[in-house]
């Protein structure tokens, strides 16, 4: 295991606004520059800061550079000028990740996403089949399930309680209400009810590993099963016991070990 040499923070300029980005570089890992970076896609309420120490640990455990960015409207990135479009998952892969890939001169990469970020990572793997060498999803949704809607409705009620929005404002500032609405209004919308990951992406050709918590409040084990089925020969899923919706925080050692093993076989 190496130690992290440096952390770089930068803003990537797009025609739609600036994207806050952070990079973690490994030290003492021979040939590490030849390893494809791991790109992290955050969840519906997430941002770079909410990955906490996971990117650093991921960098240390794998010897790969790790890159995380705040989507437009989230974290330290510029505000989103409008409401979230219903095709926002594919839109992220087609438009915004393209700016990240170009600005950082990324050729080969590993896509890894949490929750809705997992679907975005899958889109990137599908859109860039020659570049994406592995796909990892964590608690990702594959369709709009009643359990998913129930979890979102309960969370929406909780955020109406006094002081709860302060949690979001800590990370998103005055964009917090937009962030919450972008999540709840989109997923609870009738026009989004028929969304499926199969309709969002084409086939995936790289090795795939889908993590899912056994007690995930936002989706059943049907989600990682369907995600693993996106690629017949190379897709696997792992159900983690005693885990809810954030396995990389609840069981980081198990996640890091499995990711490391996947990347060893993906070179």
C-alpha atoms as a PDB file:
ATOM      1  CA  UNK A   1       0.000   0.000   0.000  1.00  0.00           C
ATOM      2  CA  UNK A   2       1.366   3.413  -0.947  1.00  0.00           C
ATOM      3  CA  UNK A   3       0.793   6.769   0.688  1.00  0.00           C
ATOM      4  CA  UNK A   4      -0.800   9.693  -1.059  1.00  0.00           C
ATOM      5  CA  UNK A   5       1.825  12.050  -2.406  1.00  0.00           C
ATOM      6  CA  UNK A   6      -0.407  14.957  -3.265  1.00  0.00           C
ATOM      7  CA  UNK A   7      -3.940  16.202  -3.609  1.00  0.00           C
ATOM      8  CA  UNK A   8      -4.754  18.687  -6.352  1.00  0.00           C
ATOM      9  CA  UNK A   9      -7.838  20.895  -6.433  1.00  0.00           C
ATOM     10  CA  UNK A  10      -8.981  22.625  -9.603  1.00  0.00           C
ATOM     11  CA  UNK A  11     -12.010  24.013 -11.393  1.00  0.00           C
ATOM     12  CA  UNK A  12     -12.844  22.792 -14.879  1.00  0.00           C
ATOM     13  CA  UNK A  13     -14.504  25.447 -17.017  1.00  0.00           C
ATOM     14  CA  UNK A  14     -17.453  24.422 -19.181  1.00  0.00           C
ATOM     15  CA  UNK A  15     -19.932  26.521 -21.202  1.00  0.00           C
ATOM     16  CA  UNK A  16     -22.467  25.777 -18.452  1.00  0.00           C
ATOM     17  CA  UNK A  17     -20.342  26.713 -15.424  1.00  0.00           C
ATOM     18  CA  UNK A  18     -17.270  25.641 -13.454  1.00  0.00           C
ATOM     19  CA  UNK A  19     -16.937  22.118 -12.058  1.00  0.00           C
ATOM     20  CA  UNK A  20     -15.029  21.703  -8.792  1.00  0.00           C
ATOM     21  CA  UNK A  21     -12.598  18.810  -9.103  1.00  0.00           C
ATOM     22  CA  UNK A  22     -10.111  17.066  -6.840  1.00  0.00           C
ATOM     23  CA  UNK A  23      -7.373  14.574  -7.713  1.00  0.00           C
ATOM     24  CA  UNK A  24      -5.504  12.161  -5.438  1.00  0.00           C
ATOM     25  CA  UNK A  25      -2.115  10.915  -6.658  1.00  0.00           C
ATOM     26  CA  UNK A  26      -0.360   7.796  -5.289  1.00  0.00           C
ATOM     27  CA  UNK A  27       3.270   7.760  -4.181  1.00  0.00           C
ATOM     28  CA  UNK A  28       5.893   5.075  -4.378  1.00  0.00           C
ATOM     29  CA  UNK A  29       3.881   2.976  -6.811  1.00  0.00           C
ATOM     30  CA  UNK A  30       6.080   1.986  -9.746  1.00  0.00           C
ATOM     31  CA  UNK A  31       4.232   2.512 -13.013  1.00  0.00           C
ATOM     32  CA  UNK A  32       1.308   4.230 -11.294  1.00  0.00           C
ATOM     33  CA  UNK A  33       1.143   6.834 -14.049  1.00  0.00           C
ATOM     34  CA  UNK A  34       0.341   4.024 -16.476  1.00  0.00           C
ATOM     35  CA  UNK A  35      -2.672   2.946 -14.428  1.00  0.00           C
ATOM     36  CA  UNK A  36      -5.989   4.450 -15.539  1.00  0.00           C
ATOM     37  CA  UNK A  37      -7.473   6.922 -13.048  1.00  0.00           C
ATOM     38  CA  UNK A  38     -10.606   6.005 -11.108  1.00  0.00           C
ATOM     39  CA  UNK A  39     -13.370   8.549 -11.725  1.00  0.00           C
ATOM     40  CA  UNK A  40     -15.892   8.923  -8.877  1.00  0.00           C
ATOM     41  CA  UNK A  41     -19.499   9.963  -9.563  1.00  0.00           C
ATOM     42  CA  UNK A  42     -21.378  11.127  -6.457  1.00  0.00           C
ATOM     43  CA  UNK A  43     -24.963  10.433  -5.375  1.00  0.00           C
ATOM     44  CA  UNK A  44     -28.067  12.662  -5.515  1.00  0.00           C
ATOM     45  CA  UNK A  45     -27.190  14.692  -2.417  1.00  0.00           C
ATOM     46  CA  UNK A  46     -23.456  14.216  -2.663  1.00  0.00           C
ATOM     47  CA  UNK A  47     -20.327  16.132  -3.595  1.00  0.00           C
ATOM     48  CA  UNK A  48     -16.561  15.731  -3.415  1.00  0.00           C
ATOM     49  CA  UNK A  49     -16.418  16.497   0.312  1.00  0.00           C
ATOM     50  CA  UNK A  50     -19.037  13.859   1.128  1.00  0.00           C
ATOM     51  CA  UNK A  51     -16.786  11.112  -0.208  1.00  0.00           C
ATOM     52  CA  UNK A  52     -14.788  11.962   2.951  1.00  0.00           C
ATOM     53  CA  UNK A  53     -11.625   9.861   3.220  1.00  0.00           C
ATOM     54  CA  UNK A  54     -12.723   7.191   0.729  1.00  0.00           C
ATOM     55  CA  UNK A  55     -10.908   8.637  -2.337  1.00  0.00           C
ATOM     56  CA  UNK A  56      -7.649   8.810  -0.397  1.00  0.00           C
ATOM     57  CA  UNK A  57      -8.053   5.255   0.866  1.00  0.00           C
ATOM     58  CA  UNK A  58      -8.987   4.084  -2.631  1.00  0.00           C
ATOM     59  CA  UNK A  59      -5.847   5.728  -3.995  1.00  0.00           C
ATOM     60  CA  UNK A  60      -3.719   4.149  -1.288  1.00  0.00           C
ATOM     61  CA  UNK A  61      -5.220   0.685  -1.698  1.00  0.00           C
ATOM     62  CA  UNK A  62      -5.057   0.490  -5.499  1.00  0.00           C
ATOM     63  CA  UNK A  63      -2.143   2.726  -6.506  1.00  0.00           C
ATOM     64  CA  UNK A  64      -4.455   4.426  -9.017  1.00  0.00           C
ATOM     65  CA  UNK A  65      -5.017   8.151  -9.280  1.00  0.00           C
ATOM     66  CA  UNK A  66      -8.546   9.006  -8.082  1.00  0.00           C
ATOM     67  CA  UNK A  67     -10.587  11.891  -9.499  1.00  0.00           C
ATOM     68  CA  UNK A  68     -13.843  13.212  -8.028  1.00  0.00           C
ATOM     69  CA  UNK A  69     -15.877  16.207  -9.138  1.00  0.00           C
ATOM     70  CA  UNK A  70     -18.992  18.078  -8.065  1.00  0.00           C
ATOM     71  CA  UNK A  71     -21.703  17.937 -10.695  1.00  0.00           C
ATOM     72  CA  UNK A  72     -23.059  21.291 -11.836  1.00  0.00           C
ATOM     73  CA  UNK A  73     -25.342  22.615  -9.081  1.00  0.00           C
ATOM     74  CA  UNK A  74     -23.672  20.554  -6.341  1.00  0.00           C
ATOM     75  CA  UNK A  75     -20.979  21.186  -3.764  1.00  0.00           C
ATOM     76  CA  UNK A  76     -18.529  23.870  -4.834  1.00  0.00           C
ATOM     77  CA  UNK A  77     -19.417  23.769  -8.528  1.00  0.00           C
ATOM     78  CA  UNK A  78     -21.383  26.629 -10.047  1.00  0.00           C
ATOM     79  CA  UNK A  79     -25.197  26.678  -9.689  1.00  0.00           C
ATOM     80  CA  UNK A  80     -27.285  24.805 -12.224  1.00  0.00           C
ATOM     81  CA  UNK A  81     -29.209  27.372 -14.297  1.00  0.00           C
ATOM     82  CA  UNK A  82     -32.424  25.356 -14.482  1.00  0.00           C
ATOM     83  CA  UNK A  83     -34.257  22.357 -13.079  1.00  0.00           C
ATOM     84  CA  UNK A  84     -32.714  18.942 -13.573  1.00  0.00           C
ATOM     85  CA  UNK A  85     -33.770  17.446 -16.950  1.00  0.00           C
ATOM     86  CA  UNK A  86     -35.382  14.019 -16.904  1.00  0.00           C
ATOM     87  CA  UNK A  87     -32.521  12.666 -19.031  1.00  0.00           C
ATOM     88  CA  UNK A  88     -29.956  13.971 -16.507  1.00  0.00           C
ATOM     89  CA  UNK A  89     -28.238  10.605 -16.033  1.00  0.00           C
ATOM     90  CA  UNK A  90     -27.225  10.168 -19.653  1.00  0.00           C
ATOM     91  CA  UNK A  91     -26.744  13.931 -19.950  1.00  0.00           C
ATOM     92  CA  UNK A  92     -24.036  13.806 -17.287  1.00  0.00           C
ATOM     93  CA  UNK A  93     -22.140  11.173 -19.225  1.00  0.00           C
ATOM     94  CA  UNK A  94     -22.607  12.743 -22.641  1.00  0.00           C
ATOM     95  CA  UNK A  95     -21.934  16.378 -21.777  1.00  0.00           C
ATOM     96  CA  UNK A  96     -20.261  17.007 -18.445  1.00  0.00           C
ATOM     97  CA  UNK A  97     -17.983  13.978 -18.170  1.00  0.00           C
ATOM     98  CA  UNK A  98     -16.787  14.808 -21.670  1.00  0.00           C
ATOM     99  CA  UNK A  99     -15.437  18.107 -20.321  1.00  0.00           C
ATOM    100  CA  UNK A 100     -13.684  16.321 -17.439  1.00  0.00           C
ATOM    101  CA  UNK A 101     -12.179  13.753 -19.794  1.00  0.00           C
ATOM    102  CA  UNK A 102     -10.956  16.409 -22.213  1.00  0.00           C
ATOM    103  CA  UNK A 103      -9.641  18.906 -19.647  1.00  0.00           C
ATOM    104  CA  UNK A 104      -7.654  16.268 -17.744  1.00  0.00           C
ATOM    105  CA  UNK A 105      -6.558  14.471 -20.936  1.00  0.00           C
ATOM    106  CA  UNK A 106      -7.944  11.171 -19.734  1.00  0.00           C
ATOM    107  CA  UNK A 107      -7.570   8.271 -22.143  1.00  0.00           C
ATOM    108  CA  UNK A 108      -8.272   5.064 -20.227  1.00  0.00           C
ATOM    109  CA  UNK A 109     -10.275   5.208 -16.993  1.00  0.00           C
ATOM    110  CA  UNK A 110     -12.183   3.245 -14.362  1.00  0.00           C
ATOM    111  CA  UNK A 111     -15.738   4.488 -13.719  1.00  0.00           C
ATOM    112  CA  UNK A 112     -17.085   4.201 -10.177  1.00  0.00           C
ATOM    113  CA  UNK A 113     -20.323   5.718  -8.911  1.00  0.00           C
ATOM    114  CA  UNK A 114     -22.505   5.759  -5.815  1.00  0.00           C
ATOM    115  CA  UNK A 115     -26.309   5.561  -6.052  1.00  0.00           C
ATOM    116  CA  UNK A 116     -27.450   7.573  -9.100  1.00  0.00           C
ATOM    117  CA  UNK A 117     -23.756   8.194  -9.732  1.00  0.00           C
ATOM    118  CA  UNK A 118     -23.508   4.469 -10.423  1.00  0.00           C
ATOM    119  CA  UNK A 119     -25.933   4.810 -13.315  1.00  0.00           C
ATOM    120  CA  UNK A 120     -23.872   7.764 -14.584  1.00  0.00           C
ATOM    121  CA  UNK A 121     -20.703   5.686 -14.330  1.00  0.00           C
ATOM    122  CA  UNK A 122     -22.435   2.926 -16.303  1.00  0.00           C
ATOM    123  CA  UNK A 123     -23.356   5.445 -18.997  1.00  0.00           C
ATOM    124  CA  UNK A 124     -19.735   6.543 -19.240  1.00  0.00           C
ATOM    125  CA  UNK A 125     -18.609   2.929 -19.547  1.00  0.00           C
ATOM    126  CA  UNK A 126     -21.120   2.424 -22.346  1.00  0.00           C
ATOM    127  CA  UNK A 127     -20.336   5.661 -24.198  1.00  0.00           C
ATOM    128  CA  UNK A 128     -16.565   5.150 -24.031  1.00  0.00           C
ATOM    129  CA  UNK A 129     -16.089   1.395 -24.551  1.00  0.00           C
ATOM    130  CA  UNK A 130     -12.526   1.807 -25.832  1.00  0.00           C
ATOM    131  CA  UNK A 131     -11.516   3.882 -22.798  1.00  0.00           C
ATOM    132  CA  UNK A 132     -13.347   2.428 -19.791  1.00  0.00           C
ATOM    133  CA  UNK A 133     -11.430  -0.565 -18.448  1.00  0.00           C
ATOM    134  CA  UNK A 134     -13.730  -1.359 -15.490  1.00  0.00           C
ATOM    135  CA  UNK A 135     -17.073  -0.279 -14.023  1.00  0.00           C
ATOM    136  CA  UNK A 136     -17.920  -0.296 -10.317  1.00  0.00           C
ATOM    137  CA  UNK A 137     -21.323   0.700  -8.974  1.00  0.00           C
ATOM    138  CA  UNK A 138     -22.202   1.165  -5.298  1.00  0.00           C
ATOM    139  CA  UNK A 139     -25.885   1.052  -4.292  1.00  0.00           C
ATOM    140  CA  UNK A 140     -26.868   2.079  -7.805  1.00  0.00           C
ATOM    141  CA  UNK A 141     -30.465   2.045  -9.023  1.00  0.00           C
ATOM    142  CA  UNK A 142     -31.414   0.180 -12.188  1.00  0.00           C
ATOM    143  CA  UNK A 143     -35.092   1.181 -12.294  1.00  0.00           C
ATOM    144  CA  UNK A 144     -37.686   3.087 -10.280  1.00  0.00           C
ATOM    145  CA  UNK A 145     -38.753   0.665  -7.564  1.00  0.00           C
ATOM    146  CA  UNK A 146     -41.458   1.236  -4.963  1.00  0.00           C
ATOM    147  CA  UNK A 147     -38.848   0.751  -2.255  1.00  0.00           C
ATOM    148  CA  UNK A 148     -36.795   3.547  -3.858  1.00  0.00           C
ATOM    149  CA  UNK A 149     -39.765   5.915  -3.900  1.00  0.00           C
ATOM    150  CA  UNK A 150     -40.674   5.066  -0.322  1.00  0.00           C
ATOM    151  CA  UNK A 151     -37.154   5.847   0.869  1.00  0.00           C
ATOM    152  CA  UNK A 152     -37.132   9.182  -0.979  1.00  0.00           C
ATOM    153  CA  UNK A 153     -40.546  10.167   0.399  1.00  0.00           C
ATOM    154  CA  UNK A 154     -39.380   9.430   3.932  1.00  0.00           C
ATOM    155  CA  UNK A 155     -36.203  11.442   3.409  1.00  0.00           C
ATOM    156  CA  UNK A 156     -38.198  14.362   1.993  1.00  0.00           C
ATOM    157  CA  UNK A 157     -40.335  14.461   5.148  1.00  0.00           C
ATOM    158  CA  UNK A 158     -37.226  14.350   7.339  1.00  0.00           C
ATOM    159  CA  UNK A 159     -35.733  17.358   5.541  1.00  0.00           C
ATOM    160  CA  UNK A 160     -38.847  19.360   6.383  1.00  0.00           C
ATOM    161  CA  UNK A 161     -37.977  19.141  10.084  1.00  0.00           C
ATOM    162  CA  UNK A 162     -36.307  22.206  11.654  1.00  0.00           C
ATOM    163  CA  UNK A 163     -32.555  22.320  11.198  1.00  0.00           C
ATOM    164  CA  UNK A 164     -32.310  19.464   8.723  1.00  0.00           C
ATOM    165  CA  UNK A 165     -31.485  21.660   5.718  1.00  0.00           C
ATOM    166  CA  UNK A 166     -28.407  22.869   7.582  1.00  0.00           C
ATOM    167  CA  UNK A 167     -26.851  19.476   6.823  1.00  0.00           C
ATOM    168  CA  UNK A 168     -27.122  20.122   3.098  1.00  0.00           C
ATOM    169  CA  UNK A 169     -26.157  23.778   3.342  1.00  0.00           C
ATOM    170  CA  UNK A 170     -22.875  22.755   4.944  1.00  0.00           C
ATOM    171  CA  UNK A 171     -21.842  21.117   1.677  1.00  0.00           C
ATOM    172  CA  UNK A 172     -23.939  22.872  -0.990  1.00  0.00           C
ATOM    173  CA  UNK A 173     -24.366  26.394   0.432  1.00  0.00           C
ATOM    174  CA  UNK A 174     -27.272  28.326  -1.008  1.00  0.00           C
ATOM    175  CA  UNK A 175     -27.716  25.593  -3.649  1.00  0.00           C
ATOM    176  CA  UNK A 176     -29.000  23.170  -0.980  1.00  0.00           C
ATOM    177  CA  UNK A 177     -32.707  23.563  -1.749  1.00  0.00           C
ATOM    178  CA  UNK A 178     -32.051  23.057  -5.459  1.00  0.00           C
ATOM    179  CA  UNK A 179     -30.060  19.895  -4.657  1.00  0.00           C
ATOM    180  CA  UNK A 180     -32.853  18.448  -2.534  1.00  0.00           C
ATOM    181  CA  UNK A 181     -35.532  19.308  -5.091  1.00  0.00           C
ATOM    182  CA  UNK A 182     -33.432  17.903  -7.934  1.00  0.00           C
ATOM    183  CA  UNK A 183     -33.422  14.565  -6.130  1.00  0.00           C
ATOM    184  CA  UNK A 184     -36.956  14.313  -4.747  1.00  0.00           C
ATOM    185  CA  UNK A 185     -38.888  16.081  -7.522  1.00  0.00           C
ATOM    186  CA  UNK A 186     -37.157  14.118 -10.267  1.00  0.00           C
ATOM    187  CA  UNK A 187     -37.480  10.632  -8.795  1.00  0.00           C
ATOM    188  CA  UNK A 188     -41.041  11.172  -7.560  1.00  0.00           C
ATOM    189  CA  UNK A 189     -42.155  12.605 -10.887  1.00  0.00           C
ATOM    190  CA  UNK A 190     -44.614  10.566 -12.937  1.00  0.00           C
ATOM    191  CA  UNK A 191     -42.590  11.291 -16.072  1.00  0.00           C
ATOM    192  CA  UNK A 192     -39.541   9.590 -14.518  1.00  0.00           C
ATOM    193  CA  UNK A 193     -41.409   6.519 -13.266  1.00  0.00           C
ATOM    194  CA  UNK A 194     -40.596   4.404 -16.310  1.00  0.00           C
ATOM    195  CA  UNK A 195     -36.847   5.022 -16.226  1.00  0.00           C
ATOM    196  CA  UNK A 196     -34.593   1.973 -16.458  1.00  0.00           C
ATOM    197  CA  UNK A 197     -30.854   1.685 -16.789  1.00  0.00           C
ATOM    198  CA  UNK A 198     -31.299  -0.619 -19.784  1.00  0.00           C
ATOM    199  CA  UNK A 199     -33.030   2.208 -21.678  1.00  0.00           C
ATOM    200  CA  UNK A 200     -30.281   4.640 -20.684  1.00  0.00           C
ATOM    201  CA  UNK A 201     -27.196   2.806 -21.902  1.00  0.00           C
ATOM    202  CA  UNK A 202     -25.977   0.405 -24.527  1.00  0.00           C
ATOM    203  CA  UNK A 203     -24.053  -2.768 -23.794  1.00  0.00           C
ATOM    204  CA  UNK A 204     -21.050  -2.625 -21.449  1.00  0.00           C
ATOM    205  CA  UNK A 205     -17.923  -4.497 -22.501  1.00  0.00           C
ATOM    206  CA  UNK A 206     -15.589  -4.027 -19.529  1.00  0.00           C
ATOM    207  CA  UNK A 207     -15.458  -5.961 -16.234  1.00  0.00           C
ATOM    208  CA  UNK A 208     -18.280  -4.854 -13.923  1.00  0.00           C
ATOM    209  CA  UNK A 209     -18.796  -5.126 -10.175  1.00  0.00           C
ATOM    210  CA  UNK A 210     -22.007  -3.930  -8.513  1.00  0.00           C
ATOM    211  CA  UNK A 211     -22.015  -3.494  -4.714  1.00  0.00           C
ATOM    212  CA  UNK A 212     -25.271  -3.372  -2.784  1.00  0.00           C
ATOM    213  CA  UNK A 213     -26.095  -3.240   0.908  1.00  0.00           C
ATOM    214  CA  UNK A 214     -28.338  -6.031   2.156  1.00  0.00           C
ATOM    215  CA  UNK A 215     -30.383  -3.450   4.083  1.00  0.00           C
ATOM    216  CA  UNK A 216     -30.327  -0.671   1.470  1.00  0.00           C
ATOM    217  CA  UNK A 217     -33.350   1.537   2.142  1.00  0.00           C
ATOM    218  CA  UNK A 218     -33.459   2.788  -1.455  1.00  0.00           C
ATOM    219  CA  UNK A 219     -33.560  -0.462  -3.383  1.00  0.00           C
ATOM    220  CA  UNK A 220     -33.705  -4.247  -3.295  1.00  0.00           C
ATOM    221  CA  UNK A 221     -31.107  -6.735  -4.551  1.00  0.00           C
ATOM    222  CA  UNK A 222     -32.841  -6.657  -7.937  1.00  0.00           C
ATOM    223  CA  UNK A 223     -30.804  -3.540  -8.761  1.00  0.00           C
ATOM    224  CA  UNK A 224     -27.284  -5.016  -8.652  1.00  0.00           C
ATOM    225  CA  UNK A 225     -28.579  -8.155 -10.345  1.00  0.00           C
ATOM    226  CA  UNK A 226     -29.862  -6.140 -13.295  1.00  0.00           C
ATOM    227  CA  UNK A 227     -26.732  -4.008 -13.418  1.00  0.00           C
ATOM    228  CA  UNK A 228     -24.528  -7.110 -13.488  1.00  0.00           C
ATOM    229  CA  UNK A 229     -26.645  -8.334 -16.386  1.00  0.00           C
ATOM    230  CA  UNK A 230     -25.651  -5.358 -18.510  1.00  0.00           C
ATOM    231  CA  UNK A 231     -22.584  -7.347 -19.529  1.00  0.00           C
ATOM    232  CA  UNK A 232     -23.102 -11.111 -19.700  1.00  0.00           C
ATOM    233  CA  UNK A 233     -19.592 -12.468 -19.367  1.00  0.00           C
ATOM    234  CA  UNK A 234     -17.939  -9.927 -17.086  1.00  0.00           C
ATOM    235  CA  UNK A 235     -20.664  -8.718 -14.722  1.00  0.00           C
ATOM    236  CA  UNK A 236     -20.685  -9.591 -11.010  1.00  0.00           C
ATOM    237  CA  UNK A 237     -22.519  -8.280  -7.970  1.00  0.00           C
ATOM    238  CA  UNK A 238     -21.740  -8.386  -4.285  1.00  0.00           C
ATOM    239  CA  UNK A 239     -24.369  -8.085  -1.543  1.00  0.00           C
ATOM    240  CA  UNK A 240     -22.827  -6.762   1.676  1.00  0.00           C
ATOM    241  CA  UNK A 241     -24.363  -7.898   4.961  1.00  0.00           C
ATOM    242  CA  UNK A 242     -25.265  -5.347   7.625  1.00  0.00           C
ATOM    243  CA  UNK A 243     -24.941  -2.521   5.087  1.00  0.00           C
ATOM    244  CA  UNK A 244     -27.455   0.104   4.083  1.00  0.00           C
ATOM    245  CA  UNK A 245     -27.078   2.632   1.252  1.00  0.00           C
ATOM    246  CA  UNK A 246     -23.433   3.674   1.749  1.00  0.00           C
ATOM    247  CA  UNK A 247     -21.254   0.521   1.736  1.00  0.00           C
ATOM    248  CA  UNK A 248     -18.046   2.454   1.042  1.00  0.00           C
ATOM    249  CA  UNK A 249     -18.574   4.224   4.378  1.00  0.00           C
ATOM    250  CA  UNK A 250     -20.156   1.340   6.303  1.00  0.00           C
ATOM    251  CA  UNK A 251     -17.778  -1.415   5.136  1.00  0.00           C
ATOM    252  CA  UNK A 252     -14.877   0.365   3.428  1.00  0.00           C
ATOM    253  CA  UNK A 253     -12.349  -2.446   3.868  1.00  0.00           C
ATOM    254  CA  UNK A 254     -14.605  -4.949   2.092  1.00  0.00           C
ATOM    255  CA  UNK A 255     -15.268  -2.497  -0.746  1.00  0.00           C
ATOM    256  CA  UNK A 256     -11.601  -1.557  -1.154  1.00  0.00           C
ATOM    257  CA  UNK A 257     -10.497  -5.192  -1.152  1.00  0.00           C
ATOM    258  CA  UNK A 258     -13.036  -6.176  -3.820  1.00  0.00           C
ATOM    259  CA  UNK A 259     -12.219  -3.137  -5.973  1.00  0.00           C
ATOM    260  CA  UNK A 260      -8.513  -3.926  -5.731  1.00  0.00           C
ATOM    261  CA  UNK A 261      -9.082  -7.508  -6.858  1.00  0.00           C
ATOM    262  CA  UNK A 262     -11.237  -6.358  -9.772  1.00  0.00           C
ATOM    263  CA  UNK A 263      -8.624  -3.865 -10.959  1.00  0.00           C
ATOM    264  CA  UNK A 264      -5.853  -6.457 -10.729  1.00  0.00           C
ATOM    265  CA  UNK A 265      -7.700  -8.562 -13.290  1.00  0.00           C
ATOM    266  CA  UNK A 266      -8.699  -5.595 -15.475  1.00  0.00           C
ATOM    267  CA  UNK A 267      -5.262  -4.423 -16.541  1.00  0.00           C
END
